[in-house]
Amino acid sequence: MPELSHATTASRSALLEIKDELRLVRDGYEFLDEKRILLAAEVLRQRDEWRERQKVFMERWHAASDALVAAAADQGLQGLEVAPPTALPDARIEVRTRPYVGQVLIEAGFVPGEPEQSRAALRPTPQLAACREAFAEVIAAAAAVAASSTNLARLLHEYRRTERRVRALENVVLPEIHLDIAAMEEHLELVEQEEVIRVRTLRPG
């Protein structure tokens, strides 16, 4: 006869209680399993989005590198070194959030504001201006990549945690409850058979 996995007294009320527990655990398992599927789908979507944003970032990075080379060729290395830096005092990263199955996902955008220079360039040229604008575009692309990377990290962490819980319910908790129910039902059936035999034995012939 199978043994109870917990120290539980076999009785009709105990059997009903553990069947109620089984229903609750099944509901929890179905909820977590659905959550796992939603998280997996969002991970794939965010992965594709990250790849696209990373591609844009690399394109802008290469464009900025080319613009830097062009500005150096135009100004000369020393001329580029003494070019006045451009300050962005009003620059900021705007972050928007949205909930998703218990997680907070973000979207980030770079707002450069109005650029300021401490002094005018000795020889302002289109190449110098293009270099400045190209690196501002790199920062904007980097903000979008950072948001996607953050979302992926959060989603993957939650997916792995949910996966562990689902596996624990599927491979440990639910099988133990089924074993307890089987053991109780078998025990109660034997008790009922013994009671029937006892009654027949004690009945007058």
C-alpha atoms as a PDB file:
ATOM      1  CA  MET A   1       0.000   0.000   0.000  1.00  0.00           C
ATOM      2  CA  PRO A   2       1.447   3.452  -0.860  1.00  0.00           C
ATOM      3  CA  GLU A   3       2.448   5.603   2.102  1.00  0.00           C
ATOM      4  CA  LEU A   4       1.390   9.168   2.717  1.00  0.00           C
ATOM      5  CA  SER A   5       4.103  11.658   1.858  1.00  0.00           C
ATOM      6  CA  HIS A   6       3.014  13.837   4.791  1.00  0.00           C
ATOM      7  CA  ALA A   7       2.056  12.968   8.318  1.00  0.00           C
ATOM      8  CA  THR A   8      -1.653  13.042   7.572  1.00  0.00           C
ATOM      9  CA  THR A   9      -4.378  10.971   9.167  1.00  0.00           C
ATOM     10  CA  ALA A  10      -6.453   9.220   6.539  1.00  0.00           C
ATOM     11  CA  SER A  11     -10.095  10.210   6.852  1.00  0.00           C
ATOM     12  CA  ARG A  12     -12.889  11.363   4.605  1.00  0.00           C
ATOM     13  CA  SER A  13     -12.484  14.969   5.752  1.00  0.00           C
ATOM     14  CA  ALA A  14      -8.718  14.825   5.235  1.00  0.00           C
ATOM     15  CA  LEU A  15      -9.284  13.398   1.756  1.00  0.00           C
ATOM     16  CA  LEU A  16     -11.649  16.251   0.890  1.00  0.00           C
ATOM     17  CA  GLU A  17      -9.133  18.784   2.214  1.00  0.00           C
ATOM     18  CA  ILE A  18      -6.277  17.415   0.155  1.00  0.00           C
ATOM     19  CA  LYS A  19      -8.473  17.316  -2.963  1.00  0.00           C
ATOM     20  CA  ASP A  20      -9.258  20.993  -2.367  1.00  0.00           C
ATOM     21  CA  GLU A  21      -5.532  21.590  -2.029  1.00  0.00           C
ATOM     22  CA  LEU A  22      -4.996  19.783  -5.329  1.00  0.00           C
ATOM     23  CA  ARG A  23      -7.471  22.081  -7.077  1.00  0.00           C
ATOM     24  CA  LEU A  24      -5.730  25.156  -5.687  1.00  0.00           C
ATOM     25  CA  VAL A  25      -2.297  23.885  -6.713  1.00  0.00           C
ATOM     26  CA  ARG A  26      -3.582  23.080 -10.202  1.00  0.00           C
ATOM     27  CA  ASP A  27      -4.996  26.605 -10.512  1.00  0.00           C
ATOM     28  CA  GLY A  28      -1.643  28.010  -9.425  1.00  0.00           C
ATOM     29  CA  TYR A  29       0.181  25.767 -11.872  1.00  0.00           C
ATOM     30  CA  GLU A  30      -2.057  26.833 -14.784  1.00  0.00           C
ATOM     31  CA  PHE A  31      -1.607  30.504 -13.873  1.00  0.00           C
ATOM     32  CA  LEU A  32       2.184  30.197 -13.697  1.00  0.00           C
ATOM     33  CA  ASP A  33       2.296  28.158 -16.889  1.00  0.00           C
ATOM     34  CA  GLU A  34       0.324  30.836 -18.731  1.00  0.00           C
ATOM     35  CA  LYS A  35       2.590  33.511 -17.236  1.00  0.00           C
ATOM     36  CA  ARG A  36       5.629  31.575 -18.436  1.00  0.00           C
ATOM     37  CA  ILE A  37       4.246  31.484 -21.996  1.00  0.00           C
ATOM     38  CA  LEU A  38       3.513  35.233 -21.963  1.00  0.00           C
ATOM     39  CA  LEU A  39       6.987  36.000 -20.637  1.00  0.00           C
ATOM     40  CA  ALA A  40       8.624  33.815 -23.281  1.00  0.00           C
ATOM     41  CA  ALA A  41       6.683  35.581 -26.040  1.00  0.00           C
ATOM     42  CA  GLU A  42       7.674  39.000 -24.720  1.00  0.00           C
ATOM     43  CA  VAL A  43      11.313  37.929 -24.365  1.00  0.00           C
ATOM     44  CA  LEU A  44      11.365  37.010 -28.059  1.00  0.00           C
ATOM     45  CA  ARG A  45       9.721  40.288 -29.021  1.00  0.00           C
ATOM     46  CA  GLN A  46      12.135  42.312 -26.912  1.00  0.00           C
ATOM     47  CA  ARG A  47      15.060  40.343 -28.320  1.00  0.00           C
ATOM     48  CA  ASP A  48      14.051  41.234 -31.871  1.00  0.00           C
ATOM     49  CA  GLU A  49      13.560  44.853 -30.859  1.00  0.00           C
ATOM     50  CA  TRP A  50      16.988  44.922 -29.195  1.00  0.00           C
ATOM     51  CA  ARG A  51      18.593  43.544 -32.347  1.00  0.00           C
ATOM     52  CA  GLU A  52      17.000  46.267 -34.469  1.00  0.00           C
ATOM     53  CA  ARG A  53      18.008  48.985 -32.028  1.00  0.00           C
ATOM     54  CA  GLN A  54      21.523  47.600 -31.731  1.00  0.00           C
ATOM     55  CA  LYS A  55      21.766  47.655 -35.523  1.00  0.00           C
ATOM     56  CA  VAL A  56      20.708  51.314 -35.584  1.00  0.00           C
ATOM     57  CA  PHE A  57      23.195  52.105 -32.810  1.00  0.00           C
ATOM     58  CA  MET A  58      26.065  50.515 -34.721  1.00  0.00           C
ATOM     59  CA  GLU A  59      25.089  52.333 -37.921  1.00  0.00           C
ATOM     60  CA  ARG A  60      25.068  55.654 -36.085  1.00  0.00           C
ATOM     61  CA  TRP A  61      28.330  54.797 -34.334  1.00  0.00           C
ATOM     62  CA  HIS A  62      30.038  54.138 -37.654  1.00  0.00           C
ATOM     63  CA  ALA A  63      28.492  57.324 -39.090  1.00  0.00           C
ATOM     64  CA  ALA A  64      29.815  59.310 -36.116  1.00  0.00           C
ATOM     65  CA  SER A  65      33.262  57.761 -36.566  1.00  0.00           C
ATOM     66  CA  ASP A  66      33.231  58.769 -40.229  1.00  0.00           C
ATOM     67  CA  ALA A  67      32.074  62.274 -39.274  1.00  0.00           C
ATOM     68  CA  LEU A  68      34.923  62.520 -36.763  1.00  0.00           C
ATOM     69  CA  VAL A  69      37.437  61.529 -39.432  1.00  0.00           C
ATOM     70  CA  ALA A  70      35.937  64.090 -41.825  1.00  0.00           C
ATOM     71  CA  ALA A  71      36.069  66.819 -39.169  1.00  0.00           C
ATOM     72  CA  ALA A  72      39.694  65.957 -38.378  1.00  0.00           C
ATOM     73  CA  ALA A  73      40.576  66.126 -42.058  1.00  0.00           C
ATOM     74  CA  ASP A  74      38.794  69.479 -42.341  1.00  0.00           C
ATOM     75  CA  GLN A  75      40.080  71.106 -39.144  1.00  0.00           C
ATOM     76  CA  GLY A  76      43.336  69.282 -38.697  1.00  0.00           C
ATOM     77  CA  LEU A  77      43.999  67.288 -35.545  1.00  0.00           C
ATOM     78  CA  GLN A  78      45.119  70.310 -33.567  1.00  0.00           C
ATOM     79  CA  GLY A  79      42.214  72.364 -34.844  1.00  0.00           C
ATOM     80  CA  LEU A  80      39.795  69.654 -33.752  1.00  0.00           C
ATOM     81  CA  GLU A  81      41.423  69.473 -30.329  1.00  0.00           C
ATOM     82  CA  VAL A  82      40.896  73.193 -29.682  1.00  0.00           C
ATOM     83  CA  ALA A  83      37.351  73.261 -31.088  1.00  0.00           C
ATOM     84  CA  PRO A  84      34.990  74.433 -28.323  1.00  0.00           C
ATOM     85  CA  PRO A  85      33.058  71.618 -26.659  1.00  0.00           C
ATOM     86  CA  THR A  86      29.303  71.569 -27.023  1.00  0.00           C
ATOM     87  CA  ALA A  87      27.386  71.472 -23.758  1.00  0.00           C
ATOM     88  CA  LEU A  88      23.870  70.082 -23.442  1.00  0.00           C
ATOM     89  CA  PRO A  89      22.637  71.593 -20.151  1.00  0.00           C
ATOM     90  CA  ASP A  90      19.010  70.651 -20.784  1.00  0.00           C
ATOM     91  CA  ALA A  91      19.696  67.139 -22.071  1.00  0.00           C
ATOM     92  CA  ARG A  92      17.705  64.396 -20.401  1.00  0.00           C
ATOM     93  CA  ILE A  93      16.564  60.818 -20.812  1.00  0.00           C
ATOM     94  CA  GLU A  94      12.781  60.534 -20.883  1.00  0.00           C
ATOM     95  CA  VAL A  95      11.585  57.208 -19.526  1.00  0.00           C
ATOM     96  CA  ARG A  96       8.087  55.813 -19.979  1.00  0.00           C
ATOM     97  CA  THR A  97       6.944  52.675 -18.195  1.00  0.00           C
ATOM     98  CA  ARG A  98       4.274  50.063 -18.765  1.00  0.00           C
ATOM     99  CA  PRO A  99       3.299  47.020 -16.679  1.00  0.00           C
ATOM    100  CA  TYR A 100       3.563  43.534 -18.092  1.00  0.00           C
ATOM    101  CA  VAL A 101       2.666  40.387 -16.063  1.00  0.00           C
ATOM    102  CA  GLY A 102       4.098  41.789 -12.870  1.00  0.00           C
ATOM    103  CA  GLN A 103       7.103  43.476 -14.470  1.00  0.00           C
ATOM    104  CA  VAL A 104       7.744  47.103 -15.355  1.00  0.00           C
ATOM    105  CA  LEU A 105       9.000  47.559 -18.915  1.00  0.00           C
ATOM    106  CA  ILE A 106      10.507  50.832 -20.044  1.00  0.00           C
ATOM    107  CA  GLU A 107      10.927  52.956 -23.140  1.00  0.00           C
ATOM    108  CA  ALA A 108      13.683  55.568 -23.128  1.00  0.00           C
ATOM    109  CA  GLY A 109      14.296  58.512 -25.416  1.00  0.00           C
ATOM    110  CA  PHE A 110      17.103  61.067 -25.446  1.00  0.00           C
ATOM    111  CA  VAL A 111      16.102  64.737 -25.501  1.00  0.00           C
ATOM    112  CA  PRO A 112      19.225  66.813 -26.231  1.00  0.00           C
ATOM    113  CA  GLY A 113      17.748  70.239 -25.552  1.00  0.00           C
ATOM    114  CA  GLU A 114      19.401  73.346 -26.946  1.00  0.00           C
ATOM    115  CA  PRO A 115      23.180  72.954 -27.372  1.00  0.00           C
ATOM    116  CA  GLU A 116      25.459  75.613 -25.937  1.00  0.00           C
ATOM    117  CA  GLN A 117      29.049  76.520 -26.695  1.00  0.00           C
ATOM    118  CA  SER A 118      31.339  78.518 -24.412  1.00  0.00           C
ATOM    119  CA  ARG A 119      32.772  80.300 -27.444  1.00  0.00           C
ATOM    120  CA  ALA A 120      32.515  80.210 -31.191  1.00  0.00           C
ATOM    121  CA  ALA A 121      34.726  77.898 -33.182  1.00  0.00           C
ATOM    122  CA  LEU A 122      37.729  79.532 -34.823  1.00  0.00           C
ATOM    123  CA  ARG A 123      36.703  78.035 -38.133  1.00  0.00           C
ATOM    124  CA  PRO A 124      33.121  76.745 -38.038  1.00  0.00           C
ATOM    125  CA  THR A 125      32.483  74.360 -40.911  1.00  0.00           C
ATOM    126  CA  PRO A 126      29.725  71.937 -41.927  1.00  0.00           C
ATOM    127  CA  GLN A 127      32.034  69.016 -41.089  1.00  0.00           C
ATOM    128  CA  LEU A 128      32.423  70.220 -37.496  1.00  0.00           C
ATOM    129  CA  ALA A 129      28.674  70.674 -37.084  1.00  0.00           C
ATOM    130  CA  ALA A 130      27.989  67.274 -38.666  1.00  0.00           C
ATOM    131  CA  CYS A 131      30.384  65.616 -36.223  1.00  0.00           C
ATOM    132  CA  ARG A 132      28.589  67.175 -33.262  1.00  0.00           C
ATOM    133  CA  GLU A 133      25.163  66.109 -34.557  1.00  0.00           C
ATOM    134  CA  ALA A 134      26.350  62.582 -35.381  1.00  0.00           C
ATOM    135  CA  PHE A 135      27.479  61.936 -31.806  1.00  0.00           C
ATOM    136  CA  ALA A 136      24.186  63.287 -30.459  1.00  0.00           C
ATOM    137  CA  GLU A 137      22.458  60.684 -32.640  1.00  0.00           C
ATOM    138  CA  VAL A 138      24.685  57.995 -31.097  1.00  0.00           C
ATOM    139  CA  ILE A 139      23.506  58.984 -27.596  1.00  0.00           C
ATOM    140  CA  ALA A 140      19.868  58.810 -28.711  1.00  0.00           C
ATOM    141  CA  ALA A 141      20.362  55.322 -30.153  1.00  0.00           C
ATOM    142  CA  ALA A 142      22.208  54.217 -27.005  1.00  0.00           C
ATOM    143  CA  ALA A 143      19.240  55.214 -24.824  1.00  0.00           C
ATOM    144  CA  ALA A 144      16.922  52.990 -26.846  1.00  0.00           C
ATOM    145  CA  VAL A 145      19.354  50.059 -26.684  1.00  0.00           C
ATOM    146  CA  ALA A 146      19.713  50.509 -22.912  1.00  0.00           C
ATOM    147  CA  ALA A 147      15.931  50.354 -22.461  1.00  0.00           C
ATOM    148  CA  SER A 148      15.687  47.131 -24.470  1.00  0.00           C
ATOM    149  CA  SER A 149      18.614  45.600 -22.554  1.00  0.00           C
ATOM    150  CA  THR A 150      16.951  46.463 -19.239  1.00  0.00           C
ATOM    151  CA  ASN A 151      13.651  44.949 -20.367  1.00  0.00           C
ATOM    152  CA  LEU A 152      15.359  41.756 -21.494  1.00  0.00           C
ATOM    153  CA  ALA A 153      17.226  41.399 -18.201  1.00  0.00           C
ATOM    154  CA  ARG A 154      14.030  41.840 -16.172  1.00  0.00           C
ATOM    155  CA  LEU A 155      11.991  39.494 -18.328  1.00  0.00           C
ATOM    156  CA  LEU A 156      14.640  36.770 -18.374  1.00  0.00           C
ATOM    157  CA  HIS A 157      15.007  36.933 -14.583  1.00  0.00           C
ATOM    158  CA  GLU A 158      11.247  36.625 -14.101  1.00  0.00           C
ATOM    159  CA  TYR A 159      10.979  33.872 -16.726  1.00  0.00           C
ATOM    160  CA  ARG A 160      13.643  31.754 -15.006  1.00  0.00           C
ATOM    161  CA  ARG A 161      12.004  32.263 -11.615  1.00  0.00           C
ATOM    162  CA  THR A 162       8.580  31.334 -13.014  1.00  0.00           C
ATOM    163  CA  GLU A 163      10.069  28.324 -14.803  1.00  0.00           C
ATOM    164  CA  ARG A 164      11.538  27.020 -11.522  1.00  0.00           C
ATOM    165  CA  ARG A 165       8.171  27.368  -9.795  1.00  0.00           C
ATOM    166  CA  VAL A 166       6.329  25.627 -12.615  1.00  0.00           C
ATOM    167  CA  ARG A 167       8.820  22.735 -12.591  1.00  0.00           C
ATOM    168  CA  ALA A 168       8.565  22.417  -8.806  1.00  0.00           C
ATOM    169  CA  LEU A 169       4.777  22.199  -8.975  1.00  0.00           C
ATOM    170  CA  GLU A 170       4.857  19.865 -11.973  1.00  0.00           C
ATOM    171  CA  ASN A 171       7.574  17.487 -10.776  1.00  0.00           C
ATOM    172  CA  VAL A 172       7.355  17.639  -6.975  1.00  0.00           C
ATOM    173  CA  VAL A 173       4.222  19.150  -5.431  1.00  0.00           C
ATOM    174  CA  LEU A 174       1.542  17.746  -7.737  1.00  0.00           C
ATOM    175  CA  PRO A 175       2.969  14.184  -7.781  1.00  0.00           C
ATOM    176  CA  GLU A 176       3.176  14.218  -3.955  1.00  0.00           C
ATOM    177  CA  ILE A 177      -0.445  15.304  -3.634  1.00  0.00           C
ATOM    178  CA  HIS A 178      -1.558  12.614  -6.103  1.00  0.00           C
ATOM    179  CA  LEU A 179       0.342  10.017  -4.076  1.00  0.00           C
ATOM    180  CA  ASP A 180      -1.299  11.214  -0.867  1.00  0.00           C
ATOM    181  CA  ILE A 181      -4.749  11.014  -2.431  1.00  0.00           C
ATOM    182  CA  ALA A 182      -4.068   7.515  -3.781  1.00  0.00           C
ATOM    183  CA  ALA A 183      -2.762   6.381  -0.383  1.00  0.00           C
ATOM    184  CA  MET A 184      -5.752   7.838   1.442  1.00  0.00           C
ATOM    185  CA  GLU A 185      -8.273   6.347  -0.944  1.00  0.00           C
ATOM    186  CA  GLU A 186      -6.648   2.926  -0.713  1.00  0.00           C
ATOM    187  CA  HIS A 187      -6.463   3.151   3.080  1.00  0.00           C
ATOM    188  CA  LEU A 188     -10.106   4.209   3.368  1.00  0.00           C
ATOM    189  CA  GLU A 189     -11.166   1.443   0.998  1.00  0.00           C
ATOM    190  CA  LEU A 190      -9.387  -1.138   3.138  1.00  0.00           C
ATOM    191  CA  VAL A 191     -10.980   0.272   6.291  1.00  0.00           C
ATOM    192  CA  GLU A 192     -14.421   0.036   4.684  1.00  0.00           C
ATOM    193  CA  GLN A 193     -13.757  -3.569   3.597  1.00  0.00           C
ATOM    194  CA  GLU A 194     -12.655  -4.468   7.124  1.00  0.00           C
ATOM    195  CA  GLU A 195     -15.779  -2.852   8.509  1.00  0.00           C
ATOM    196  CA  VAL A 196     -17.995  -4.833   6.124  1.00  0.00           C
ATOM    197  CA  ILE A 197     -16.235  -8.074   7.097  1.00  0.00           C
ATOM    198  CA  ARG A 198     -16.572  -7.218  10.799  1.00  0.00           C
ATOM    199  CA  VAL A 199     -20.276  -6.513  10.426  1.00  0.00           C
ATOM    200  CA  ARG A 200     -20.839  -9.778   8.552  1.00  0.00           C
ATOM    201  CA  THR A 201     -18.841 -11.684  11.150  1.00  0.00           C
ATOM    202  CA  LEU A 202     -20.790 -10.217  14.045  1.00  0.00           C
ATOM    203  CA  ARG A 203     -24.177 -10.660  12.345  1.00  0.00           C
ATOM    204  CA  PRO A 204     -26.133 -13.589  13.812  1.00  0.00           C
ATOM    205  CA  GLY A 205     -26.263 -16.590  11.534  1.00  0.00           C
END
